[in-house]
N, C-alpha and C. Protein backbone atom coordinates (compact mmCIF):
# COMPACT_ATOMS: atom_id res chain seq x y z
N MET A 1 -13.83 -76.35 41.35
CA MET A 1 -13.71 -76.72 42.87
C MET A 1 -13.07 -75.67 43.48
N ASP A 2 -13.81 -75.15 44.52
CA ASP A 2 -13.22 -73.92 45.51
C ASP A 2 -12.39 -74.53 46.67
N CYS A 3 -11.11 -74.16 46.75
CA CYS A 3 -10.40 -74.55 47.87
C CYS A 3 -10.29 -73.35 48.72
N SER A 4 -10.02 -73.65 50.22
CA SER A 4 -9.77 -72.74 50.89
C SER A 4 -8.86 -73.08 52.30
N GLY A 5 -8.48 -72.16 52.95
CA GLY A 5 -7.63 -72.58 54.07
C GLY A 5 -6.33 -73.22 53.69
N ARG A 6 -5.90 -74.29 54.32
CA ARG A 6 -4.48 -74.88 54.11
C ARG A 6 -4.82 -76.15 53.31
N ILE A 7 -3.60 -76.42 52.46
CA ILE A 7 -3.52 -77.63 51.87
C ILE A 7 -2.35 -78.25 52.29
N THR A 8 -2.60 -78.91 53.32
CA THR A 8 -1.27 -79.77 54.04
C THR A 8 -1.45 -81.17 54.09
N LEU A 9 -0.31 -81.99 54.49
CA LEU A 9 -0.13 -83.38 54.65
C LEU A 9 -1.33 -84.00 55.46
N VAL A 10 -1.66 -83.34 56.42
CA VAL A 10 -2.59 -83.76 57.44
C VAL A 10 -4.02 -84.34 56.91
N ARG A 11 -4.62 -83.49 56.36
CA ARG A 11 -6.03 -83.81 55.94
C ARG A 11 -6.38 -83.26 54.53
N ALA A 12 -5.96 -82.04 54.15
CA ALA A 12 -6.62 -81.30 53.11
C ALA A 12 -5.95 -82.02 51.79
N SER A 13 -4.89 -82.55 51.60
CA SER A 13 -4.35 -83.06 50.39
C SER A 13 -5.09 -84.64 50.25
N VAL A 14 -5.65 -85.20 50.91
CA VAL A 14 -6.29 -86.56 51.10
C VAL A 14 -7.74 -86.30 50.53
N ILE A 15 -8.29 -85.00 51.24
CA ILE A 15 -9.53 -84.65 50.26
C ILE A 15 -9.50 -83.94 48.86
N LEU A 16 -8.52 -83.31 48.57
CA LEU A 16 -8.22 -82.92 47.11
C LEU A 16 -8.17 -84.27 46.46
N ARG A 17 -7.27 -85.08 46.72
CA ARG A 17 -7.08 -86.38 46.00
C ARG A 17 -8.49 -87.10 45.63
N ASP A 18 -8.73 -87.30 46.74
CA ASP A 18 -10.45 -88.03 46.67
C ASP A 18 -11.39 -87.29 45.81
N THR A 19 -11.47 -86.09 45.92
CA THR A 19 -12.49 -85.09 45.06
C THR A 19 -12.11 -84.92 43.66
N VAL A 20 -10.72 -84.86 43.25
CA VAL A 20 -10.38 -84.84 42.07
C VAL A 20 -10.48 -86.28 41.49
N ARG A 21 -10.27 -87.44 42.20
CA ARG A 21 -10.71 -88.76 41.55
C ARG A 21 -12.02 -89.18 41.12
N ASP A 22 -12.71 -88.51 42.02
CA ASP A 22 -14.46 -88.64 41.95
C ASP A 22 -15.09 -87.91 40.99
N LEU A 23 -14.44 -86.70 40.63
CA LEU A 23 -14.84 -85.89 39.70
C LEU A 23 -14.52 -86.55 38.20
N LEU A 24 -13.38 -87.00 38.32
CA LEU A 24 -12.61 -87.74 37.12
C LEU A 24 -13.42 -88.86 36.60
N ALA A 25 -13.82 -89.67 37.75
CA ALA A 25 -14.56 -90.85 37.51
C ALA A 25 -16.04 -90.50 36.85
N ARG A 26 -16.48 -89.35 37.20
CA ARG A 26 -18.03 -89.05 36.69
C ARG A 26 -17.56 -88.24 35.30
N ASN A 27 -16.50 -88.34 34.97
CA ASN A 27 -16.06 -87.43 33.60
C ASN A 27 -16.52 -85.88 33.64
N LYS A 28 -16.29 -85.35 34.82
CA LYS A 28 -16.54 -84.12 35.04
C LYS A 28 -15.09 -83.17 34.62
N LYS A 29 -15.10 -81.87 34.15
CA LYS A 29 -13.96 -81.26 33.79
C LYS A 29 -13.81 -80.67 35.33
N ILE A 30 -12.31 -80.22 35.54
CA ILE A 30 -12.09 -79.70 36.77
C ILE A 30 -11.26 -78.39 36.73
N LEU A 31 -11.91 -77.56 37.39
CA LEU A 31 -11.15 -76.26 37.50
C LEU A 31 -10.85 -75.79 39.20
N LEU A 32 -9.69 -75.71 39.47
CA LEU A 32 -9.48 -75.55 40.67
C LEU A 32 -9.21 -73.91 41.12
N ASN A 33 -10.04 -73.56 41.88
CA ASN A 33 -9.97 -72.09 42.28
C ASN A 33 -9.19 -72.13 43.80
N LEU A 34 -7.88 -71.58 43.80
CA LEU A 34 -7.16 -71.48 45.11
C LEU A 34 -6.88 -70.21 45.56
N GLY A 35 -8.19 -69.26 44.99
CA GLY A 35 -7.86 -67.93 45.69
C GLY A 35 -8.05 -67.72 47.17
N ASP A 36 -8.78 -68.61 47.91
CA ASP A 36 -8.60 -68.54 49.47
C ASP A 36 -7.90 -69.52 49.94
N VAL A 37 -6.77 -70.04 49.31
CA VAL A 37 -5.96 -71.03 50.16
C VAL A 37 -4.78 -70.07 50.61
N ASN A 38 -4.45 -70.07 52.00
CA ASN A 38 -3.49 -69.36 52.49
C ASN A 38 -2.05 -70.07 52.86
N TYR A 39 -2.13 -71.34 52.55
CA TYR A 39 -0.95 -71.94 53.05
C TYR A 39 -1.14 -73.24 52.22
N ILE A 40 0.08 -73.67 51.67
CA ILE A 40 0.17 -74.99 50.89
C ILE A 40 1.79 -75.42 51.44
N ASP A 41 1.52 -76.69 52.07
CA ASP A 41 3.10 -77.21 52.17
C ASP A 41 3.65 -78.09 51.14
N SER A 42 4.64 -78.73 51.36
CA SER A 42 5.37 -79.54 50.05
C SER A 42 4.62 -80.72 49.76
N SER A 43 3.85 -81.33 50.73
CA SER A 43 2.78 -82.25 50.54
C SER A 43 1.65 -81.70 49.77
N GLY A 44 1.30 -80.56 49.99
CA GLY A 44 0.13 -79.96 49.13
C GLY A 44 0.55 -79.60 47.79
N ILE A 45 1.76 -79.35 47.45
CA ILE A 45 2.19 -78.94 46.25
C ILE A 45 2.37 -80.34 45.59
N GLY A 46 2.70 -81.44 46.12
CA GLY A 46 3.06 -82.79 45.58
C GLY A 46 1.48 -83.13 45.14
N GLU A 47 0.61 -82.99 46.01
CA GLU A 47 -0.87 -83.32 45.74
C GLU A 47 -1.39 -82.77 44.27
N LEU A 48 -1.26 -81.35 44.17
CA LEU A 48 -1.56 -80.61 43.06
C LEU A 48 -0.85 -81.05 41.95
N VAL A 49 0.42 -81.42 41.88
CA VAL A 49 1.25 -82.10 40.73
C VAL A 49 0.46 -83.43 40.40
N SER A 50 0.20 -84.36 41.56
CA SER A 50 -0.15 -85.46 41.19
C SER A 50 -1.56 -85.26 40.73
N ALA A 51 -2.48 -84.43 41.02
CA ALA A 51 -3.90 -84.34 40.43
C ALA A 51 -3.65 -83.68 39.09
N TYR A 52 -2.74 -82.96 38.77
CA TYR A 52 -2.51 -82.38 37.27
C TYR A 52 -2.23 -83.76 36.47
N THR A 53 -1.28 -84.23 36.94
CA THR A 53 -0.75 -85.58 36.18
C THR A 53 -1.72 -86.55 35.96
N THR A 54 -2.52 -86.88 36.85
CA THR A 54 -3.62 -87.88 36.99
C THR A 54 -4.81 -87.22 35.78
N VAL A 55 -5.00 -85.93 35.73
CA VAL A 55 -5.93 -85.24 34.96
C VAL A 55 -5.47 -85.57 33.23
N ARG A 56 -4.14 -85.18 33.21
CA ARG A 56 -3.38 -85.25 31.95
C ARG A 56 -3.55 -86.82 31.39
N ILE A 57 -3.03 -87.78 32.24
CA ILE A 57 -3.05 -89.09 31.65
C ILE A 57 -4.56 -89.61 31.45
N LYS A 58 -5.60 -89.14 32.15
CA LYS A 58 -7.09 -89.61 31.71
C LYS A 58 -7.30 -88.80 30.41
N ALA A 59 -7.04 -87.48 30.18
CA ALA A 59 -7.48 -86.96 29.00
C ALA A 59 -6.58 -87.39 27.84
N ALA A 60 -5.42 -87.99 27.85
CA ALA A 60 -4.46 -88.62 27.02
C ALA A 60 -5.03 -89.90 26.52
N ASN A 61 -5.59 -90.73 27.69
CA ASN A 61 -6.35 -91.90 27.38
C ASN A 61 -7.71 -91.86 26.76
N SER A 62 -8.25 -91.01 27.14
CA SER A 62 -9.72 -90.54 26.54
C SER A 62 -9.73 -90.15 25.07
N SER A 63 -8.68 -89.60 24.60
CA SER A 63 -8.52 -89.18 23.15
C SER A 63 -8.17 -90.17 22.27
N CYS A 64 -7.67 -91.26 22.83
CA CYS A 64 -7.33 -92.44 21.91
C CYS A 64 -8.36 -93.11 21.30
């Protein structure tokens, strides 16, 4: 998933969360490319951590 611009509280973090959840629901592997992201606020960092945690939990539950 290529990300660009800003990952902030206002809108981008919601798009990131929804896209990650959609990809997980379709059992897709996720690779985030943040090379073109020029700014991440604390909410954006929190969303990245949340996405990582969600993916790890799904992976752990899938291997059982």
